[in-house]
Protein backbone atom coordinates (compact mmCIF):
# COMPACT_ATOMS: atom_id res chain seq x y z
CA MET A 1 3.99 164.03 237.93
CA LEU A 2 6.86 162.55 240.69
CA ARG A 3 4.51 163.50 243.46
CA LEU A 4 1.55 161.28 241.72
CA ILE A 5 4.04 158.56 241.30
CA ALA A 6 5.25 158.67 244.82
CA VAL A 7 1.66 158.39 246.04
CA PHE A 8 1.20 155.35 243.91
CA ALA A 9 3.69 153.63 245.02
CA GLY A 10 2.74 153.97 248.58
CA ILE A 11 -0.71 152.55 247.93
CA LEU A 12 -0.48 149.45 245.40
CA MET A 13 -1.00 147.57 249.03
CA LEU A 14 -3.53 149.62 250.28
CA SER A 15 -7.32 148.86 249.50
CA ALA A 16 -10.57 150.45 250.86
CA CYS A 17 -14.30 149.52 250.71
CA ALA A 18 -16.93 151.54 249.23
CA SER A 19 -20.65 150.70 248.93
CA ILE A 20 -21.59 151.70 245.37
CA ASN A 21 -24.39 149.53 245.01
CA ASP A 22 -27.07 151.78 246.98
CA LEU A 23 -28.82 153.34 244.53
CA ASP A 24 -31.54 151.69 244.78
CA SER A 25 -32.29 152.91 248.34
CA ASP A 26 -33.32 156.20 249.24
CA ARG A 27 -31.75 159.03 247.54
CA VAL A 28 -29.53 161.09 250.17
CA ALA A 29 -30.85 164.35 250.74
CA LEU A 30 -28.92 167.57 249.45
CA GLY A 31 -31.66 170.39 249.64
CA ASP A 32 -31.73 172.37 246.68
CA PHE A 33 -29.19 170.54 244.58
CA SER A 34 -29.64 169.76 240.90
CA LEU A 35 -26.80 169.10 238.69
CA GLY A 36 -26.19 171.03 235.59
CA HIS A 37 -22.86 170.55 233.73
CA ARG A 38 -20.12 167.77 234.39
CA VAL A 39 -17.07 168.65 232.94
CA VAL A 40 -14.24 165.87 233.42
CA VAL A 41 -10.62 166.73 232.10
CA GLY A 42 -7.40 165.28 232.82
CA PRO A 43 -4.75 168.01 231.53
CA ASN A 44 -1.78 165.98 233.94
CA LEU A 45 -3.68 162.41 233.80
CA THR A 46 -0.62 160.05 235.22
CA LYS A 47 -0.53 156.33 234.80
CA GLY A 48 0.60 154.43 237.80
CA PRO A 49 3.37 151.46 237.77
CA ALA A 50 1.85 147.96 236.81
CA SER A 51 -1.11 149.44 235.26
CA ARG A 52 -3.10 148.66 232.38
CA ASP A 53 -3.48 151.81 229.88
CA ALA A 54 -6.48 153.92 229.76
CA THR A 55 -6.82 156.99 227.55
CA LEU A 56 -8.65 160.38 228.86
CA GLU A 57 -11.65 160.01 226.62
CA GLU A 58 -12.23 156.45 228.33
CA TRP A 59 -11.95 157.91 231.75
CA GLN A 60 -14.36 160.94 230.64
CA GLU A 61 -16.76 158.64 229.39
CA ALA A 62 -16.95 156.00 232.69
CA MET A 63 -16.87 159.24 235.21
CA THR A 64 -19.71 161.20 233.52
CA ALA A 65 -21.41 157.99 232.86
CA ALA A 66 -21.19 156.90 236.99
CA VAL A 67 -21.86 160.70 237.64
CA ASN A 68 -25.14 160.98 235.73
CA GLU A 69 -26.26 157.65 237.76
CA ARG A 70 -25.73 159.03 241.07
CA PHE A 71 -26.82 162.44 240.73
CA GLY A 72 -28.96 162.99 237.58
CA ALA A 73 -31.98 162.30 239.75
CA TYR A 74 -31.52 165.11 241.65
CA GLU A 75 -34.35 167.38 241.19
CA GLY A 76 -33.70 170.53 243.74
CA GLU A 77 -33.99 174.69 243.06
CA LYS A 78 -30.92 175.42 242.16
CA LEU A 79 -28.23 174.13 239.62
CA TYR A 80 -24.78 173.37 240.61
CA HIS A 81 -21.75 172.00 238.10
CA PHE A 82 -19.21 169.29 238.67
CA GLY A 83 -15.27 170.38 237.45
CA ILE A 84 -13.57 166.75 237.58
CA SER A 85 -9.83 166.79 236.81
CA VAL A 86 -8.60 163.34 236.20
CA GLU A 87 -5.12 163.21 237.91
CA GLY A 88 -3.55 159.51 238.00
CA TYR A 89 -4.98 156.28 237.88
CA VAL A 90 -3.78 152.44 238.68
CA LEU A 91 -5.74 149.40 237.04
CA ALA A 92 -4.44 146.06 237.96
CA GLN A 93 -3.05 143.67 235.40
CA PRO A 94 -2.69 140.42 235.24
CA GLY A 95 0.78 138.58 235.52
CA ILE A 96 1.63 140.70 238.70
CA PRO A 97 2.99 138.18 241.42
CA LEU A 98 0.06 137.54 243.95
CA VAL A 99 2.12 138.69 246.71
CA LEU A 100 1.78 142.36 245.63
CA ASN A 101 -2.03 141.60 245.63
CA PRO A 102 -2.02 145.24 243.30
CA LYS A 103 -5.19 147.07 243.89
CA SER A 104 -6.82 149.59 241.21
CA VAL A 105 -7.04 153.39 242.12
CA ILE A 106 -7.85 156.98 240.84
CA ILE A 107 -7.32 160.18 242.31
CA PHE A 108 -9.05 163.20 241.20
CA ASN A 109 -9.86 166.77 242.11
CA LEU A 110 -13.20 167.80 242.54
CA THR A 111 -14.28 171.51 241.91
CA VAL A 112 -18.52 172.56 242.60
CA TRP A 113 -19.17 175.53 240.76
CA ASP A 114 -22.83 177.48 241.98
CA ASP A 115 -24.64 178.64 238.57
CA ALA A 116 -26.65 181.52 240.35
CA ALA A 117 -24.15 182.76 242.00
CA GLY A 118 -21.26 182.10 239.20
CA LYS A 119 -18.86 181.15 241.59
CA LYS A 120 -17.01 178.01 242.97
CA LEU A 121 -18.39 176.94 246.03
CA ASN A 122 -14.50 175.49 246.98
CA GLU A 123 -12.36 177.70 246.60
CA GLU A 124 -9.02 174.86 246.45
CA PRO A 125 -10.23 171.85 244.52
CA GLU A 126 -11.09 168.84 246.55
CA GLN A 127 -8.79 165.63 245.57
CA ILE A 128 -10.22 162.67 246.41
CA THR A 129 -8.64 159.05 246.25
CA VAL A 130 -10.82 156.13 245.55
CA PHE A 131 -9.55 152.44 245.57
CA GLU A 132 -11.18 149.53 243.94
CA ALA A 133 -13.60 147.76 246.75
CA VAL A 134 -12.64 144.58 247.81
CA SER A 135 -14.57 141.53 246.83
CA GLU A 136 -14.89 137.68 245.90
CA LYS A 137 -13.96 139.16 242.12
CA SER A 138 -10.77 141.44 243.35
CA ILE A 139 -9.41 139.85 246.49
CA LEU A 140 -6.67 138.58 244.11
CA GLY A 141 -6.37 141.50 242.35
CA SER A 142 -9.13 143.25 240.05
CA GLY A 143 -6.61 142.40 237.14
CA LEU A 144 -7.21 138.57 237.70
CA THR A 145 -10.80 138.83 237.78
CA GLN A 146 -12.04 141.47 235.65
CA THR A 147 -11.53 143.56 232.04
CA LYS A 148 -10.23 147.09 232.04
CA GLU A 149 -13.22 148.39 231.44
CA GLU A 150 -15.22 146.61 234.36
CA GLN A 151 -12.37 148.43 236.83
CA MET A 152 -13.00 151.41 235.27
CA GLN A 153 -16.71 151.45 235.93
CA ALA A 154 -15.91 150.20 239.53
CA LEU A 155 -13.50 153.01 240.37
CA SER A 156 -15.85 155.62 238.58
CA ARG A 157 -19.17 154.32 240.72
CA ALA A 158 -17.03 154.22 243.74
CA ALA A 159 -15.91 157.77 243.34
CA ALA A 160 -19.47 159.50 242.15
CA LYS A 161 -20.27 157.85 245.53
CA MET A 162 -17.05 159.45 247.10
CA ILE A 163 -18.48 163.14 245.57
CA GLN A 164 -22.01 162.34 247.18
CA LYS A 165 -20.20 162.14 250.54
CA TYR A 166 -17.86 165.17 250.23
CA LEU A 167 -21.26 167.24 249.06
CA VAL A 168 -22.95 166.13 252.13
CA ARG A 169 -20.44 166.98 254.46
CA MET A 170 -19.90 170.06 252.93
CA ASN A 171 -23.94 170.80 253.06
CA ARG A 172 -23.90 169.54 256.48
CA GLN A 173 -20.84 172.33 257.96
CA GLU A 174 -21.10 175.00 255.30
CA LYS A 175 -24.63 174.86 254.43
CA TRP A 176 -24.14 174.34 250.51
CA PHE A 177 -27.72 173.49 249.07
CA LYS A 178 -30.04 174.97 251.50
CA SER A 179 -33.54 174.10 250.34
CA GLY A 180 -35.97 177.27 250.79
CA ALA A 181 -36.56 177.27 254.09
CA GLN A 182 -33.31 176.99 254.99
CA ALA A 183 -32.20 180.12 253.00
CA ALA A 184 -34.52 182.00 255.07
CA ALA A 185 -33.13 184.92 257.08
CA PRO A 186 -32.03 183.82 260.54
CA LYS A 187 -34.99 184.54 262.76
CA ALA A 188 -34.81 188.18 265.31
CA PRO A 189 -33.73 187.28 268.57
CA THR A 190 -36.33 186.45 271.12
CA GLU A 191 -37.59 187.78 274.91
CA ASP A 192 -34.68 185.52 276.35
CA GLY A 193 -32.29 187.05 273.79
CA VAL A 194 -31.51 183.71 271.91
CA ASN A 195 -31.27 183.57 268.46
CA THR A 196 -33.52 180.80 267.37
CA GLU A 197 -31.62 180.17 264.03
CA SER A 198 -28.02 180.12 265.33
CA GLY A 199 -28.31 179.78 268.79
CA ASP A 200 -26.45 182.74 269.64
CA THR A 201 -27.17 184.78 272.68
CA ALA A 202 -28.03 188.44 271.46
CA LYS A 203 -25.87 190.84 273.48
CA PRO A 204 -28.36 193.83 274.19
CA ALA A 205 -27.16 197.16 272.45
CA PRO A 206 -25.23 199.60 274.67
CA GLN A 207 -26.72 201.76 276.64
CA ALA A 208 -25.62 206.00 275.25
CA LYS A 209 -23.93 207.28 278.52
CA PRO A 210 -25.84 210.96 278.97
CA GLU A 211 -23.25 213.36 278.00
CA LYS A 212 -22.30 216.30 280.29
CA ALA A 213 -23.71 219.41 279.81
CA LYS A 214 -21.16 222.17 278.10
CA LYS A 215 -21.09 225.82 278.12
CA LYS A 216 -23.47 227.35 276.04
CA PRO A 217 -24.13 230.62 274.42
CA GLU A 218 -26.23 233.06 276.04
CA LYS A 219 -28.88 232.10 273.64
CA GLN A 220 -28.63 228.51 274.74
CA VAL A 221 -28.60 229.19 278.33
CA GLU A 222 -32.02 231.10 277.76
CA LYS A 223 -33.43 228.30 275.84
CA LYS A 224 -32.13 225.94 279.00
CA ALA A 225 -34.35 228.42 281.68
CA GLU A 226 -37.05 228.39 279.61
CA ALA A 227 -37.22 224.47 279.06
CA LEU A 228 -36.33 224.18 282.72
CA ASN A 229 -39.48 226.32 283.60
CA SER A 230 -41.95 224.37 281.50
CA SER A 231 -40.82 221.28 282.58
CA THR A 232 -42.49 219.83 286.01
CA SER A 233 -42.51 216.30 286.51
CA ALA A 234 -39.14 215.18 284.32
CA SER A 235 -36.24 214.57 285.95
CA THR A 236 -33.93 215.43 282.69
CA VAL A 237 -34.50 217.71 279.91
CA THR A 238 -33.21 217.22 276.03
CA LEU A 239 -33.15 220.08 274.45
CA PRO A 240 -33.23 220.68 270.33
CA ASP A 241 -29.44 219.69 270.16
CA GLU A 242 -30.38 216.65 272.05
CA THR A 243 -27.88 217.59 274.97
CA ILE A 244 -28.79 216.28 278.19
CA ILE A 245 -29.27 218.70 281.07
CA GLU A 246 -29.52 217.68 284.51
CA PRO A 247 -31.78 220.24 286.71
CA GLU A 248 -30.24 222.13 289.38
CA VAL A 249 -31.59 221.40 292.76
CA ALA A 250 -32.42 224.05 295.25
CA PRO A 251 -30.28 223.56 298.62
CA ALA A 252 -32.32 222.84 301.46
CA PRO A 253 -33.35 225.96 304.23
CA VAL A 254 -31.02 225.40 307.13
CA ALA A 255 -32.85 225.04 310.08
CA ASN A 256 -31.90 227.99 312.76
């Protein structure tokens, strides 16, 4: 809790812009993604300094509505679930001197679950901090121009947008939501040794070195002689025990 209060103290003078009015444009591609459960909790919910009051239930309602609004239209082949833990918030209130220019902010942790695999995609929760967007309504502080509900709705929509950006980044880096074509097994190396899926150069398998002939019992020596006698063109002979034997070469006649 003390850590969150320190964070709030350091960011009250900051602001960030997040374009949240893009829901009517083309939806960002997320492969086979389809949203299943969205669970919003707040066991460590902390109100920052100079903030209006807001209950966990109010944050759950606002965050759930924003997540549904941004992700409800995805119809991928696989289900994924969100676990959202609201850690802290500041809802700028009226009556604060304008020189401080207080800004609203929300801090939350995000965990993404793969339904089919039954496991988390991110072992450590991703912590995301979202500031209210600067606009003509908030240039003097949203506490003067917006109700608490309007502040929470704006922050929750910006939070959903930041979740989408995080998913896009992880899908690009870790292939979280691969489509059917992307999920196919990597292609076999081509003749030039390049894997067309990963771009890696396939290394040729090491060639086994012929083992030196070891001394054999008399029976195996007899087999060796028979194999050599029956061979006319091979430069090496493989015996039944797969030992490589180099044929003996008769010495060249010495000229008188």
